[in-house]
Amino acid sequence: MYLIKRNKKTNTEAGVLVKERPATPAPEYRYETIEIPGRDGALYSEEEFVDDITIKITFVFAADPAKWQDLFRKARKWLLDKTDNKLILEDMPGYYYKVKHTTIGSSEREVKQVGEFETEFICEGHQYLASGTYEYEKQEVLYNPYSVSHPTYLITGNGRCTLTVNGNEFVAEVGQNVTIDTDLMLAYRQDGRMMNTSVTGDYQELYLKEGDNTIEITEGFGLKVIPNWRCL
């Protein structure tokens, strides 16, 4: 029996079974095709960005005919809930996909008590490591063995602070704390107050490149890093 986890709950906890192990498409770099007159074939210019992938999973369930629609509604609620954006597959322990959109097909009755429906998960092309969701000291994330990552920086202290990553400066006016989310390109306090007008710099310049990185912060400020490790 194959298991997936969505919104912090497995499919069996939601009352449905996975019909068969889903195929996971390989991600592709976005590219541009360039046609050149007088030349055979075309040139391809690859970008550094990866396209989304679609993971299709077929679920089956059995129920008394009087409760059949109730179980299907329960399954839809589980799949469409926005509590968590992770999709975890049983045979990929320690990794997850980030779901961007979910589509559920209509349910077909194979027999009177048994239903079947297909769900499509549109996900980011990268696989994310569960270990990359924890808070680390800066010296623990200076070496990135994976793909370029979009970390979250947690700064504590008071006053004008400069965060420098690989020689790129990002300045923030900190009042107790500020979170710099380079993936969402947002700055905010722990209480949810937005701080975008209190920071200056390019979020993309704070990414952690593959290999060695440098991170420095103004003396007197505390810093933790959530690296958001990911790979193809």
C-alpha atoms as a PDB file:
ATOM      1  CA  MET A   1       0.000   0.000   0.000  1.00  0.00           C
ATOM      2  CA  TYR A   2       1.510   3.291  -1.161  1.00  0.00           C
ATOM      3  CA  LEU A   3       1.179   6.399   1.025  1.00  0.00           C
ATOM      4  CA  ILE A   4       1.291  10.120   0.347  1.00  0.00           C
ATOM      5  CA  LYS A   5       1.055  12.963   2.845  1.00  0.00           C
ATOM      6  CA  ARG A   6      -0.818  16.193   2.185  1.00  0.00           C
ATOM      7  CA  ASN A   7      -1.810  18.896   4.672  1.00  0.00           C
ATOM      8  CA  LYS A   8      -0.068  16.912   7.443  1.00  0.00           C
ATOM      9  CA  LYS A   9      -2.329  13.892   6.931  1.00  0.00           C
ATOM     10  CA  THR A  10      -1.826  10.628   5.018  1.00  0.00           C
ATOM     11  CA  ASN A  11      -4.273   9.386   2.394  1.00  0.00           C
ATOM     12  CA  THR A  12      -5.355   6.481   4.633  1.00  0.00           C
ATOM     13  CA  GLU A  13      -6.188   8.953   7.404  1.00  0.00           C
ATOM     14  CA  ALA A  14      -8.376  10.722   4.842  1.00  0.00           C
ATOM     15  CA  GLY A  15     -10.105   7.436   3.970  1.00  0.00           C
ATOM     16  CA  VAL A  16      -8.716   6.858   0.464  1.00  0.00           C
ATOM     17  CA  LEU A  17      -6.072   4.603  -1.108  1.00  0.00           C
ATOM     18  CA  VAL A  18      -3.513   5.350  -3.817  1.00  0.00           C
ATOM     19  CA  LYS A  19      -4.229   3.131  -6.820  1.00  0.00           C
ATOM     20  CA  GLU A  20      -0.593   2.951  -7.961  1.00  0.00           C
ATOM     21  CA  ARG A  21       2.719   4.651  -7.362  1.00  0.00           C
ATOM     22  CA  PRO A  22       2.651   8.043  -9.146  1.00  0.00           C
ATOM     23  CA  ALA A  23       5.198   8.959 -11.799  1.00  0.00           C
ATOM     24  CA  THR A  24       7.297  12.016 -10.928  1.00  0.00           C
ATOM     25  CA  PRO A  25       8.265  14.009 -14.045  1.00  0.00           C
ATOM     26  CA  ALA A  26      11.830  15.242 -14.358  1.00  0.00           C
ATOM     27  CA  PRO A  27      12.021  19.050 -14.185  1.00  0.00           C
ATOM     28  CA  GLU A  28      13.234  21.062 -17.176  1.00  0.00           C
ATOM     29  CA  TYR A  29      15.073  24.348 -17.331  1.00  0.00           C
ATOM     30  CA  ARG A  30      13.144  27.076 -19.122  1.00  0.00           C
ATOM     31  CA  TYR A  31      14.690  27.786 -22.510  1.00  0.00           C
ATOM     32  CA  GLU A  32      14.374  29.941 -25.609  1.00  0.00           C
ATOM     33  CA  THR A  33      14.597  28.546 -29.137  1.00  0.00           C
ATOM     34  CA  ILE A  34      16.604  30.695 -31.539  1.00  0.00           C
ATOM     35  CA  GLU A  35      16.246  30.067 -35.273  1.00  0.00           C
ATOM     36  CA  ILE A  36      19.217  31.245 -37.360  1.00  0.00           C
ATOM     37  CA  PRO A  37      18.787  31.538 -41.156  1.00  0.00           C
ATOM     38  CA  GLY A  38      21.306  29.453 -43.074  1.00  0.00           C
ATOM     39  CA  ARG A  39      22.036  27.152 -40.138  1.00  0.00           C
ATOM     40  CA  ASP A  40      20.822  23.606 -39.588  1.00  0.00           C
ATOM     41  CA  GLY A  41      18.619  23.151 -36.568  1.00  0.00           C
ATOM     42  CA  ALA A  42      18.205  25.769 -33.850  1.00  0.00           C
ATOM     43  CA  LEU A  43      20.080  27.172 -30.863  1.00  0.00           C
ATOM     44  CA  TYR A  44      18.722  26.771 -27.361  1.00  0.00           C
ATOM     45  CA  SER A  45      19.341  29.354 -24.668  1.00  0.00           C
ATOM     46  CA  GLU A  46      18.654  27.886 -21.218  1.00  0.00           C
ATOM     47  CA  GLU A  47      17.593  30.100 -18.331  1.00  0.00           C
ATOM     48  CA  GLU A  48      18.413  29.430 -14.678  1.00  0.00           C
ATOM     49  CA  PHE A  49      14.738  28.869 -13.826  1.00  0.00           C
ATOM     50  CA  VAL A  50      12.965  25.499 -13.735  1.00  0.00           C
ATOM     51  CA  ASP A  51       9.413  24.995 -15.015  1.00  0.00           C
ATOM     52  CA  ASP A  52       6.633  23.549 -12.847  1.00  0.00           C
ATOM     53  CA  ILE A  53       5.826  19.847 -12.984  1.00  0.00           C
ATOM     54  CA  THR A  54       2.486  18.023 -12.700  1.00  0.00           C
ATOM     55  CA  ILE A  55       2.178  14.938 -10.498  1.00  0.00           C
ATOM     56  CA  LYS A  56      -0.939  12.869 -11.165  1.00  0.00           C
ATOM     57  CA  ILE A  57      -2.283  10.530  -8.487  1.00  0.00           C
ATOM     58  CA  THR A  58      -5.340   8.276  -8.772  1.00  0.00           C
ATOM     59  CA  PHE A  59      -7.208   7.572  -5.534  1.00  0.00           C
ATOM     60  CA  VAL A  60      -9.765   4.851  -4.841  1.00  0.00           C
ATOM     61  CA  PHE A  61     -12.175   4.436  -1.946  1.00  0.00           C
ATOM     62  CA  ALA A  62     -15.021   2.219  -0.824  1.00  0.00           C
ATOM     63  CA  ALA A  63     -18.054   3.184   1.202  1.00  0.00           C
ATOM     64  CA  ASP A  64     -21.675   2.347   1.819  1.00  0.00           C
ATOM     65  CA  PRO A  65     -23.722   3.998  -0.984  1.00  0.00           C
ATOM     66  CA  ALA A  66     -25.410   6.274   1.551  1.00  0.00           C
ATOM     67  CA  LYS A  67     -22.022   7.608   2.719  1.00  0.00           C
ATOM     68  CA  TRP A  68     -20.240   7.548  -0.642  1.00  0.00           C
ATOM     69  CA  GLN A  69     -20.546  11.287  -1.371  1.00  0.00           C
ATOM     70  CA  ASP A  70     -19.633  12.176   2.221  1.00  0.00           C
ATOM     71  CA  LEU A  71     -16.337  10.325   1.892  1.00  0.00           C
ATOM     72  CA  PHE A  72     -15.597  11.976  -1.469  1.00  0.00           C
ATOM     73  CA  ARG A  73     -16.273  15.402   0.079  1.00  0.00           C
ATOM     74  CA  LYS A  74     -13.934  14.571   2.964  1.00  0.00           C
ATOM     75  CA  ALA A  75     -11.208  13.593   0.488  1.00  0.00           C
ATOM     76  CA  ARG A  76     -11.663  16.800  -1.518  1.00  0.00           C
ATOM     77  CA  LYS A  77     -11.415  18.910   1.640  1.00  0.00           C
ATOM     78  CA  TRP A  78      -8.198  17.131   2.607  1.00  0.00           C
ATOM     79  CA  LEU A  79      -6.608  17.661  -0.806  1.00  0.00           C
ATOM     80  CA  LEU A  80      -7.720  21.275  -1.347  1.00  0.00           C
ATOM     81  CA  ASP A  81      -6.974  22.536   2.150  1.00  0.00           C
ATOM     82  CA  LYS A  82      -4.303  25.287   2.194  1.00  0.00           C
ATOM     83  CA  THR A  83      -2.959  24.507   5.680  1.00  0.00           C
ATOM     84  CA  ASP A  84       0.311  23.286   4.192  1.00  0.00           C
ATOM     85  CA  ASN A  85       1.776  23.361   0.675  1.00  0.00           C
ATOM     86  CA  LYS A  86       3.838  20.167   0.980  1.00  0.00           C
ATOM     87  CA  LEU A  87       3.298  16.935  -0.960  1.00  0.00           C
ATOM     88  CA  ILE A  88       5.282  14.053   0.533  1.00  0.00           C
ATOM     89  CA  LEU A  89       5.671  10.737  -1.304  1.00  0.00           C
ATOM     90  CA  GLU A  90       6.340   7.556   0.657  1.00  0.00           C
ATOM     91  CA  ASP A  91       9.405   6.472  -1.328  1.00  0.00           C
ATOM     92  CA  MET A  92      11.103   9.890  -1.083  1.00  0.00           C
ATOM     93  CA  PRO A  93      11.745  10.185   2.677  1.00  0.00           C
ATOM     94  CA  GLY A  94      13.242  13.480   3.771  1.00  0.00           C
ATOM     95  CA  TYR A  95      12.024  15.334   0.661  1.00  0.00           C
ATOM     96  CA  TYR A  96       8.836  17.073  -0.401  1.00  0.00           C
ATOM     97  CA  TYR A  97       7.328  18.994  -3.315  1.00  0.00           C
ATOM     98  CA  LYS A  98       5.797  22.456  -2.985  1.00  0.00           C
ATOM     99  CA  VAL A  99       2.228  22.365  -4.329  1.00  0.00           C
ATOM    100  CA  LYS A 100       1.090  25.488  -6.188  1.00  0.00           C
ATOM    101  CA  HIS A 101      -2.320  24.293  -7.421  1.00  0.00           C
ATOM    102  CA  THR A 102      -4.514  21.196  -7.037  1.00  0.00           C
ATOM    103  CA  THR A 103      -7.147  19.923  -9.481  1.00  0.00           C
ATOM    104  CA  ILE A 104      -9.543  17.078  -8.623  1.00  0.00           C
ATOM    105  CA  GLY A 105     -11.391  15.199 -11.339  1.00  0.00           C
ATOM    106  CA  SER A 106     -14.901  13.829 -11.027  1.00  0.00           C
ATOM    107  CA  SER A 107     -15.334  10.548  -9.176  1.00  0.00           C
ATOM    108  CA  GLU A 108     -16.277   7.481 -11.186  1.00  0.00           C
ATOM    109  CA  ARG A 109     -18.043   4.522  -9.549  1.00  0.00           C
ATOM    110  CA  GLU A 110     -16.395   1.265 -10.523  1.00  0.00           C
ATOM    111  CA  VAL A 111     -19.087  -0.661  -8.669  1.00  0.00           C
ATOM    112  CA  LYS A 112     -21.846   0.466  -6.338  1.00  0.00           C
ATOM    113  CA  GLN A 113     -19.559   0.981  -3.304  1.00  0.00           C
ATOM    114  CA  VAL A 114     -16.204   1.788  -4.947  1.00  0.00           C
ATOM    115  CA  GLY A 115     -15.154   5.163  -6.332  1.00  0.00           C
ATOM    116  CA  GLU A 116     -12.071   6.397  -8.170  1.00  0.00           C
ATOM    117  CA  PHE A 117     -10.800   9.891  -8.969  1.00  0.00           C
ATOM    118  CA  GLU A 118      -7.629  11.495 -10.294  1.00  0.00           C
ATOM    119  CA  THR A 119      -5.891  14.466  -8.708  1.00  0.00           C
ATOM    120  CA  GLU A 120      -3.306  16.668 -10.400  1.00  0.00           C
ATOM    121  CA  PHE A 121      -0.774  18.511  -8.262  1.00  0.00           C
ATOM    122  CA  ILE A 122       1.028  21.367 -10.006  1.00  0.00           C
ATOM    123  CA  CYS A 123       4.310  21.652  -8.107  1.00  0.00           C
ATOM    124  CA  GLU A 124       7.535  23.574  -8.258  1.00  0.00           C
ATOM    125  CA  GLY A 125      10.102  21.603 -10.239  1.00  0.00           C
ATOM    126  CA  HIS A 126      12.555  21.353  -7.342  1.00  0.00           C
ATOM    127  CA  GLN A 127      12.445  18.775  -4.578  1.00  0.00           C
ATOM    128  CA  TYR A 128      12.875  20.354  -1.138  1.00  0.00           C
ATOM    129  CA  LEU A 129      14.678  18.807   1.813  1.00  0.00           C
ATOM    130  CA  ALA A 130      12.831  18.573   5.110  1.00  0.00           C
ATOM    131  CA  SER A 131      16.137  19.351   6.841  1.00  0.00           C
ATOM    132  CA  GLY A 132      16.172  22.711   5.062  1.00  0.00           C
ATOM    133  CA  THR A 133      13.122  23.945   6.985  1.00  0.00           C
ATOM    134  CA  TYR A 134      14.960  24.189  10.330  1.00  0.00           C
ATOM    135  CA  GLU A 135      16.747  27.208  11.817  1.00  0.00           C
ATOM    136  CA  TYR A 136      20.556  27.119  11.657  1.00  0.00           C
ATOM    137  CA  GLU A 137      23.456  29.268  12.786  1.00  0.00           C
ATOM    138  CA  LYS A 138      25.029  31.102   9.840  1.00  0.00           C
ATOM    139  CA  GLN A 139      28.228  29.026   9.906  1.00  0.00           C
ATOM    140  CA  GLU A 140      26.138  25.875   9.408  1.00  0.00           C
ATOM    141  CA  VAL A 141      24.767  26.999   6.022  1.00  0.00           C
ATOM    142  CA  LEU A 142      27.857  28.545   4.432  1.00  0.00           C
ATOM    143  CA  TYR A 143      28.335  25.484   2.227  1.00  0.00           C
ATOM    144  CA  ASN A 144      25.393  24.623  -0.017  1.00  0.00           C
ATOM    145  CA  PRO A 145      25.724  21.115  -1.535  1.00  0.00           C
ATOM    146  CA  TYR A 146      22.432  21.467  -3.422  1.00  0.00           C
ATOM    147  CA  SER A 147      20.885  23.811  -6.020  1.00  0.00           C
ATOM    148  CA  VAL A 148      20.683  27.576  -5.504  1.00  0.00           C
ATOM    149  CA  SER A 149      18.386  28.095  -2.505  1.00  0.00           C
ATOM    150  CA  HIS A 150      16.078  30.919  -1.405  1.00  0.00           C
ATOM    151  CA  PRO A 151      16.708  31.169   2.342  1.00  0.00           C
ATOM    152  CA  THR A 152      14.841  32.976   5.085  1.00  0.00           C
ATOM    153  CA  TYR A 153      16.927  35.156   7.409  1.00  0.00           C
ATOM    154  CA  LEU A 154      15.729  35.748  10.996  1.00  0.00           C
ATOM    155  CA  ILE A 155      17.346  38.858  12.508  1.00  0.00           C
ATOM    156  CA  THR A 156      16.973  40.036  16.102  1.00  0.00           C
ATOM    157  CA  GLY A 157      18.122  43.295  17.647  1.00  0.00           C
ATOM    158  CA  ASN A 158      17.413  47.005  17.424  1.00  0.00           C
ATOM    159  CA  GLY A 159      18.611  49.651  14.984  1.00  0.00           C
ATOM    160  CA  ARG A 160      20.156  49.763  11.534  1.00  0.00           C
ATOM    161  CA  CYS A 161      21.477  46.390  10.449  1.00  0.00           C
ATOM    162  CA  THR A 162      23.398  45.335   7.337  1.00  0.00           C
ATOM    163  CA  LEU A 163      23.172  41.715   6.196  1.00  0.00           C
ATOM    164  CA  THR A 164      25.886  40.859   3.670  1.00  0.00           C
ATOM    165  CA  VAL A 165      25.651  37.659   1.611  1.00  0.00           C
ATOM    166  CA  ASN A 166      28.417  36.878  -0.870  1.00  0.00           C
ATOM    167  CA  GLY A 167      29.427  40.538  -0.836  1.00  0.00           C
ATOM    168  CA  ASN A 168      25.870  41.830  -1.471  1.00  0.00           C
ATOM    169  CA  GLU A 169      24.473  44.205   1.162  1.00  0.00           C
ATOM    170  CA  PHE A 170      20.875  44.280   2.392  1.00  0.00           C
ATOM    171  CA  VAL A 171      20.008  46.982   4.944  1.00  0.00           C
ATOM    172  CA  ALA A 172      17.140  46.731   7.459  1.00  0.00           C
ATOM    173  CA  GLU A 173      15.809  48.959  10.226  1.00  0.00           C
ATOM    174  CA  VAL A 174      15.182  46.371  12.936  1.00  0.00           C
ATOM    175  CA  GLY A 175      12.811  46.841  15.865  1.00  0.00           C
ATOM    176  CA  GLN A 176      13.315  43.708  17.977  1.00  0.00           C
ATOM    177  CA  ASN A 177      13.088  41.360  14.995  1.00  0.00           C
ATOM    178  CA  VAL A 178      12.667  41.140  11.242  1.00  0.00           C
ATOM    179  CA  THR A 179      12.249  38.160   8.911  1.00  0.00           C
ATOM    180  CA  ILE A 180      13.705  38.457   5.409  1.00  0.00           C
ATOM    181  CA  ASP A 181      12.010  35.903   3.141  1.00  0.00           C
ATOM    182  CA  THR A 182      13.948  35.762  -0.121  1.00  0.00           C
ATOM    183  CA  ASP A 183      11.517  33.304  -1.732  1.00  0.00           C
ATOM    184  CA  LEU A 184       8.442  35.499  -1.213  1.00  0.00           C
ATOM    185  CA  MET A 185      10.626  38.639  -1.451  1.00  0.00           C
ATOM    186  CA  LEU A 186       9.050  40.024   1.712  1.00  0.00           C
ATOM    187  CA  ALA A 187      10.266  41.470   5.005  1.00  0.00           C
ATOM    188  CA  TYR A 188       8.039  41.238   8.083  1.00  0.00           C
ATOM    189  CA  ARG A 189       8.035  41.040  11.877  1.00  0.00           C
ATOM    190  CA  GLN A 190       7.175  37.917  13.856  1.00  0.00           C
ATOM    191  CA  ASP A 191       3.825  39.513  14.732  1.00  0.00           C
ATOM    192  CA  GLY A 192       2.988  39.683  11.004  1.00  0.00           C
ATOM    193  CA  ARG A 193       3.588  43.396  10.471  1.00  0.00           C
ATOM    194  CA  MET A 194       5.053  44.067   7.017  1.00  0.00           C
ATOM    195  CA  MET A 195       8.468  45.752   6.930  1.00  0.00           C
ATOM    196  CA  ASN A 196       9.146  46.119   3.193  1.00  0.00           C
ATOM    197  CA  THR A 197       9.503  49.894   3.508  1.00  0.00           C
ATOM    198  CA  SER A 198      12.134  49.432   6.224  1.00  0.00           C
ATOM    199  CA  VAL A 199      14.583  47.426   4.099  1.00  0.00           C
ATOM    200  CA  THR A 200      16.823  48.265   1.167  1.00  0.00           C
ATOM    201  CA  GLY A 201      18.452  45.776  -1.170  1.00  0.00           C
ATOM    202  CA  ASP A 202      17.856  43.001  -3.691  1.00  0.00           C
ATOM    203  CA  TYR A 203      16.320  39.816  -2.273  1.00  0.00           C
ATOM    204  CA  GLN A 204      17.784  37.724  -5.100  1.00  0.00           C
ATOM    205  CA  GLU A 205      21.294  38.742  -4.070  1.00  0.00           C
ATOM    206  CA  LEU A 206      20.711  36.975  -0.747  1.00  0.00           C
ATOM    207  CA  TYR A 207      20.274  33.550  -2.356  1.00  0.00           C
ATOM    208  CA  LEU A 208      22.699  30.808  -1.315  1.00  0.00           C
ATOM    209  CA  LYS A 209      24.604  29.678  -4.388  1.00  0.00           C
ATOM    210  CA  GLU A 210      25.906  26.155  -4.915  1.00  0.00           C
ATOM    211  CA  GLY A 211      29.138  25.577  -3.032  1.00  0.00           C
ATOM    212  CA  ASP A 212      30.769  28.088  -0.679  1.00  0.00           C
ATOM    213  CA  ASN A 213      28.984  31.227   0.530  1.00  0.00           C
ATOM    214  CA  THR A 214      29.780  34.088   2.896  1.00  0.00           C
ATOM    215  CA  ILE A 215      27.318  35.640   5.369  1.00  0.00           C
ATOM    216  CA  GLU A 216      28.060  38.610   7.625  1.00  0.00           C
ATOM    217  CA  ILE A 217      25.833  40.767   9.832  1.00  0.00           C
ATOM    218  CA  THR A 218      26.302  43.992  11.790  1.00  0.00           C
ATOM    219  CA  GLU A 219      27.794  43.374  15.230  1.00  0.00           C
ATOM    220  CA  GLY A 220      25.223  43.279  18.020  1.00  0.00           C
ATOM    221  CA  PHE A 221      22.472  41.584  15.970  1.00  0.00           C
ATOM    222  CA  GLY A 222      21.417  37.948  16.164  1.00  0.00           C
ATOM    223  CA  LEU A 223      20.943  35.853  13.027  1.00  0.00           C
ATOM    224  CA  LYS A 224      19.402  32.461  12.272  1.00  0.00           C
ATOM    225  CA  VAL A 225      18.983  31.057   8.754  1.00  0.00           C
ATOM    226  CA  ILE A 226      16.338  28.715   7.323  1.00  0.00           C
ATOM    227  CA  PRO A 227      18.188  27.579   4.174  1.00  0.00           C
ATOM    228  CA  ASN A 228      15.274  25.981   2.264  1.00  0.00           C
ATOM    229  CA  TRP A 229      17.628  23.442   0.678  1.00  0.00           C
ATOM    230  CA  ARG A 230      16.408  22.104  -2.664  1.00  0.00           C
ATOM    231  CA  CYS A 231      17.612  19.984  -5.557  1.00  0.00           C
ATOM    232  CA  LEU A 232      16.441  18.816  -8.989  1.00  0.00           C
END
